[in-house]
Protein backbone atom coordinates (compact mmCIF):
# COMPACT_ATOMS: atom_id res chain seq x y z
CA MET A 1 0.00 0.00 0.00
CA ALA A 2 2.85 2.41 0.84
CA GLU A 3 4.44 1.86 -2.57
CA LEU A 4 1.16 2.68 -4.26
CA LEU A 5 0.81 5.88 -2.24
CA ARG A 6 4.33 6.86 -3.38
CA GLY A 7 3.29 6.24 -6.97
CA ASP A 8 5.51 3.20 -7.55
CA ARG A 9 3.04 0.89 -9.27
CA ALA A 10 5.61 -1.80 -10.04
CA ALA A 11 6.76 -2.00 -6.41
CA ALA A 12 3.13 -2.00 -5.23
CA ARG A 13 2.36 -4.91 -7.55
CA ARG A 14 5.40 -6.88 -6.35
CA ALA A 15 4.51 -6.27 -2.70
CA ALA A 16 0.86 -7.21 -3.26
CA ASP A 17 1.86 -10.37 -5.14
CA GLN A 18 4.24 -11.37 -2.38
CA ALA A 19 1.72 -10.69 0.40
CA SER A 20 -1.03 -12.43 -1.55
CA SER A 21 1.12 -15.52 -2.02
CA PHE A 22 1.61 -15.76 1.73
CA LEU A 23 -2.01 -14.94 2.64
CA GLU A 24 -3.46 -17.45 0.15
CA ARG A 25 -1.60 -20.24 1.95
CA ALA A 26 -2.38 -19.03 5.47
CA PRO A 27 -5.47 -20.63 7.01
CA PRO A 28 -7.94 -18.15 8.51
CA ILE A 29 -6.92 -18.77 12.12
CA HIS A 30 -6.63 -15.17 13.32
CA SER A 31 -8.75 -12.11 12.67
CA GLY A 32 -5.54 -10.08 12.40
CA LEU A 33 -5.19 -11.32 8.83
CA ILE A 34 -8.31 -9.44 7.70
CA VAL A 35 -6.64 -6.04 7.37
CA PRO A 36 -3.67 -7.25 5.29
CA GLN A 37 -6.03 -9.32 3.13
CA SER A 38 -8.21 -6.29 2.44
CA PHE A 39 -5.13 -4.11 1.78
CA VAL A 40 -3.91 -6.58 -0.85
CA ALA A 41 -7.31 -6.49 -2.56
CA GLU A 42 -7.34 -2.68 -2.37
CA VAL A 43 -3.92 -2.48 -4.02
CA TYR A 44 -5.08 -4.72 -6.86
CA LEU A 45 -8.24 -2.62 -7.23
CA ASP A 46 -6.26 0.63 -7.29
CA LEU A 47 -3.84 -0.83 -9.84
CA ALA A 48 -6.72 -2.13 -11.97
CA GLU A 49 -8.36 1.31 -12.08
CA LYS A 50 -5.37 2.67 -14.00
CA ALA A 51 -4.07 -0.52 -15.59
CA PRO A 52 -2.23 -0.15 -18.87
CA SER A 53 -3.59 -2.17 -21.75
CA GLY A 54 -2.69 -5.82 -21.49
CA GLU A 55 -2.33 -5.83 -17.71
CA GLU A 56 -6.04 -6.12 -16.95
CA ARG A 57 -6.19 -9.92 -17.22
CA THR A 58 -3.39 -10.63 -14.75
CA LEU A 59 -4.68 -8.00 -12.32
CA SER A 60 -8.19 -9.43 -12.55
CA ALA A 61 -6.88 -12.90 -11.73
CA ALA A 62 -4.81 -11.59 -8.81
CA LEU A 63 -7.79 -9.61 -7.54
CA GLY A 64 -10.00 -12.70 -7.76
CA ARG A 65 -7.53 -14.71 -5.68
CA SER A 66 -7.26 -11.95 -3.08
CA LEU A 67 -11.04 -11.71 -2.80
CA ALA A 68 -11.30 -15.49 -2.40
CA THR A 69 -8.76 -15.30 0.43
CA LEU A 70 -10.72 -12.52 2.13
CA GLU A 71 -13.96 -14.46 1.65
CA ARG A 72 -12.40 -17.50 3.33
CA SER A 73 -11.67 -15.33 6.37
CA ALA A 74 -15.17 -13.82 6.31
CA ARG A 75 -16.67 -17.30 6.63
CA VAL A 76 -14.70 -17.80 9.86
CA PHE A 77 -14.68 -14.19 11.10
CA PRO A 78 -17.90 -12.34 10.23
CA ILE A 79 -16.21 -9.00 10.99
CA ALA A 80 -14.41 -9.40 7.65
CA GLU A 81 -17.75 -9.12 5.83
CA PRO A 82 -17.73 -5.29 5.47
CA ALA A 83 -14.22 -5.29 3.95
CA LEU A 84 -15.13 -8.15 1.62
CA LEU A 85 -18.31 -6.42 0.45
CA ARG A 86 -16.46 -3.11 0.02
CA CYS A 87 -13.82 -4.76 -2.17
CA ARG A 88 -16.41 -6.77 -4.11
CA GLY A 89 -18.45 -3.59 -4.62
CA ARG A 90 -15.41 -1.74 -5.95
CA ALA A 91 -14.62 -4.66 -8.25
CA ALA A 92 -18.19 -4.69 -9.58
CA ALA A 93 -18.07 -0.92 -10.21
CA LEU A 94 -14.75 -1.30 -11.99
CA ALA A 95 -16.26 -3.99 -14.21
CA GLY A 96 -19.16 -1.65 -15.06
CA HIS A 97 -21.77 -3.50 -12.99
CA ARG A 98 -23.27 -0.49 -11.28
CA ARG A 99 -26.33 -2.18 -9.74
CA LYS A 100 -24.24 -5.03 -8.36
CA ALA A 101 -21.74 -2.51 -6.97
CA ASP A 102 -24.54 -0.57 -5.30
CA ARG A 103 -25.98 -3.76 -3.81
CA MET A 104 -22.59 -4.94 -2.48
CA LEU A 105 -21.70 -1.55 -1.03
CA SER A 106 -25.15 -1.16 0.56
CA GLN A 107 -24.83 -4.61 2.13
CA GLY A 108 -21.34 -3.67 3.27
CA LEU A 109 -22.65 -0.47 4.84
CA ALA A 110 -25.31 -2.45 6.73
CA ALA A 111 -22.68 -4.93 7.91
CA ALA A 112 -20.35 -2.13 9.01
CA ARG A 113 -23.19 -0.60 11.03
CA ARG A 114 -24.12 -3.98 12.51
CA PHE A 115 -20.54 -4.50 13.70
CA GLU A 116 -20.18 -0.83 14.69
CA MET A 117 -17.19 -0.36 12.39
CA ALA A 118 -17.12 3.40 11.90
CA HIS A 119 -14.15 3.40 9.52
CA GLU A 120 -15.72 0.80 7.21
CA GLU A 121 -19.01 2.70 7.41
CA ALA A 122 -17.28 5.90 6.31
CA LEU A 123 -15.48 4.13 3.45
CA MET A 124 -18.72 2.54 2.25
CA THR A 125 -20.61 5.84 2.46
CA ARG A 126 -17.91 7.58 0.40
CA LEU A 127 -17.92 4.81 -2.22
CA LEU A 128 -21.72 4.83 -2.48
CA ALA A 129 -21.69 8.61 -2.94
CA GLY A 130 -19.07 8.29 -5.67
CA LEU A 131 -21.11 5.61 -7.38
CA ALA A 132 -24.20 7.85 -7.32
CA GLU A 133 -22.22 10.76 -8.81
CA ALA A 134 -20.51 8.71 -11.54
CA PRO A 135 -21.84 9.32 -15.03
CA ARG A 136 -24.17 6.63 -16.23
CA VAL A 137 -23.06 4.83 -19.35
CA PRO A 138 -25.94 3.31 -21.30
CA ARG A 139 -25.60 -0.39 -22.01
CA VAL A 140 -25.60 -1.41 -25.61
CA GLU A 141 -27.70 -4.47 -26.20
CA ALA A 142 -26.80 -6.91 -28.93
CA GLY A 143 -29.51 -6.90 -31.47
């Protein structure tokens, strides 16, 4: 995450790949793994938002693996649910699935409130507001 904040996309990708490799193998035995798991997914999401052509496929696969790891933890530790839904909502928005993104983020907001997680609640609220303000792109139906 620090590398991404410094603008070093290559270093951020290497760090996320390394952390993801470890976290994928680690069984969900401690809730302390939730934050690093969500950070890895966030890095992949941030990288995917500005991915150069040709990098989307590998980032999508890495993101999918990181979300599966976070989901595994959420099944054991329900407090991971808001982070999982936030990341899944961002992924859906990135893929152009606005309704799915809204649904995931709204569910994440409800979960954050249920667990009294003010930070997750604030993140979800900001993402939902951004989704509402984003320009709507009409879908083209095959005909």
